[in-house]
Structure formats: structure tokens, C-alpha cells
């Protein structure tokens, strides 16, 4: 039984790591909020307004990617929990089958 408990501990460790990483990506996504960029930030360049628009697009794309990473990692955590529950249920069924003999 000790080996079995260690395996669940490993799954739980993976789940916690996924949640931590998901939170970190979510925090990064929060830093990329939609806001305008003043073209004056690029000085008197002829392409200042285009650079400002590109900065806004980069901001939006970055936010989207960090949000996608957060969703993916939370999905991995949920799937690991499903595996964990399946292992527990299989172990209970095995114990019941052994006791029934």
C-alpha cells in the first residue's frame, strides 16, 4: 500500500504544479490589459501611429496566449484529478473483490 500512496502523492504534486503554473500564466495575462498606446511614445517617427497600433496588437496577442496557457494547464489539472479518482475507485473495487473471496 505504501507504493500506491506514493503514486497518488506524485499525481497530487503534478496537479499542484499545474495549478501554480496556471496561476502564474493567468497573472501574466492580467498584466496585458487592453489599453491604447499613445503614438507620442514613439517620438516624431513617421510610423509612430503604426508602431502604437502594433504595440496594442502585441499586447492583445500576448494576453490571448497567456490566457490560453492558463486554460490548458487548468485542463491538465482536471484530467489528472480524473485519473486520480479512477485509480482510487479501481483500488476500492480491487479491495472489495479480494474481501468478497
Protein backbone atom coordinates (compact mmCIF):
# COMPACT_ATOMS: atom_id res chain seq x y z
CA UNK A 1 0.00 0.00 0.00
CA UNK A 2 2.87 2.42 0.58
CA UNK A 3 3.78 2.36 -3.11
CA UNK A 4 0.18 3.12 -4.05
CA UNK A 5 0.06 6.12 -1.69
CA UNK A 6 3.34 7.41 -3.15
CA UNK A 7 1.86 7.24 -6.66
CA UNK A 8 -1.12 9.31 -5.57
CA UNK A 9 1.29 11.74 -3.97
CA UNK A 10 3.05 12.07 -7.30
CA UNK A 11 -0.22 12.78 -9.08
CA UNK A 12 -1.16 15.31 -6.43
CA UNK A 13 2.22 17.00 -6.83
CA UNK A 14 1.67 17.26 -10.58
CA UNK A 15 -1.80 18.70 -10.02
CA UNK A 16 -0.46 21.33 -7.63
CA UNK A 17 2.29 22.23 -10.09
CA UNK A 18 -0.28 22.67 -12.88
CA UNK A 19 -2.39 24.95 -10.70
CA UNK A 20 0.64 27.02 -9.68
CA UNK A 21 1.75 27.42 -13.28
CA UNK A 22 -1.80 28.19 -14.43
CA UNK A 23 -1.99 30.93 -11.81
CA UNK A 24 1.31 32.38 -12.96
CA UNK A 25 0.18 32.47 -16.59
CA UNK A 26 -3.12 33.99 -15.51
CA UNK A 27 -1.24 36.67 -13.62
CA UNK A 28 0.85 37.45 -16.68
CA UNK A 29 -2.31 37.66 -18.80
CA UNK A 30 -3.74 40.19 -16.35
CA UNK A 31 -0.73 42.43 -16.97
CA UNK A 32 -1.68 42.67 -20.65
CA UNK A 33 -4.93 44.58 -20.38
CA UNK A 34 -6.45 46.24 -23.42
CA UNK A 35 -5.42 49.85 -23.47
CA UNK A 36 -4.36 52.29 -26.10
CA UNK A 37 -0.79 53.29 -26.72
CA UNK A 38 -0.04 56.94 -27.33
CA UNK A 39 1.81 57.37 -30.61
CA UNK A 40 3.82 60.13 -28.94
CA UNK A 41 5.64 57.37 -27.06
CA UNK A 42 7.48 56.71 -30.32
CA UNK A 43 8.54 60.30 -30.75
CA UNK A 44 8.34 62.05 -34.08
CA UNK A 45 8.82 58.99 -36.24
CA UNK A 46 6.71 58.94 -39.39
CA UNK A 47 5.46 55.49 -38.39
CA UNK A 48 4.70 56.38 -34.77
CA UNK A 49 0.96 55.72 -35.11
CA UNK A 50 1.61 52.36 -36.82
CA UNK A 51 4.04 51.38 -34.06
CA UNK A 52 1.45 52.33 -31.45
CA UNK A 53 -1.14 50.14 -33.21
CA UNK A 54 1.34 47.25 -33.39
CA UNK A 55 2.03 47.64 -29.67
CA UNK A 56 -1.72 47.34 -28.98
CA UNK A 57 -1.94 44.23 -31.17
CA UNK A 58 1.11 42.69 -29.49
CA UNK A 59 -0.46 43.38 -26.11
CA UNK A 60 -3.70 41.66 -27.17
CA UNK A 61 -1.87 38.69 -28.70
CA UNK A 62 0.26 38.25 -25.60
CA UNK A 63 -2.79 38.32 -23.35
CA UNK A 64 -4.52 35.76 -25.56
CA UNK A 65 -1.55 33.39 -25.44
CA UNK A 66 -1.14 33.64 -21.67
CA UNK A 67 -4.89 33.06 -21.19
CA UNK A 68 -4.71 30.02 -23.48
CA UNK A 69 -1.78 28.63 -21.49
CA UNK A 70 -3.70 29.13 -18.24
CA UNK A 71 -6.77 27.33 -19.61
CA UNK A 72 -4.63 24.47 -20.93
CA UNK A 73 -2.85 23.94 -17.59
CA UNK A 74 -6.13 24.04 -15.67
CA UNK A 75 -7.43 21.40 -18.08
CA UNK A 76 -4.39 19.23 -17.40
CA UNK A 77 -5.03 19.56 -13.68
CA UNK A 78 -8.66 18.46 -14.12
CA UNK A 79 -7.59 15.46 -16.18
CA UNK A 80 -5.04 14.46 -13.55
CA UNK A 81 -7.79 14.64 -10.94
CA UNK A 82 -9.93 12.36 -13.12
CA UNK A 83 -7.05 9.86 -13.34
CA UNK A 84 -6.54 10.10 -9.58
CA UNK A 85 -10.22 9.37 -8.90
CA UNK A 86 -10.18 6.45 -11.35
CA UNK A 87 -7.19 4.94 -9.53
CA UNK A 88 -8.92 5.30 -6.17
CA UNK A 89 -12.12 3.73 -7.48
CA UNK A 90 -10.20 0.84 -9.08
CA UNK A 91 -8.32 0.25 -5.84
CA UNK A 92 -11.58 0.22 -3.86
CA UNK A 93 -13.08 -2.25 -6.32
CA UNK A 94 -9.99 -4.47 -6.05
CA UNK A 95 -10.11 -4.43 -2.26
CA UNK A 96 -13.82 -5.26 -2.31
CA UNK A 97 -13.21 -8.12 -4.74
CA UNK A 98 -10.46 -9.54 -2.53
CA UNK A 99 -12.61 -9.28 0.60
CA UNK A 100 -15.53 -10.95 -1.16
CA UNK A 101 -13.46 -14.10 -1.72
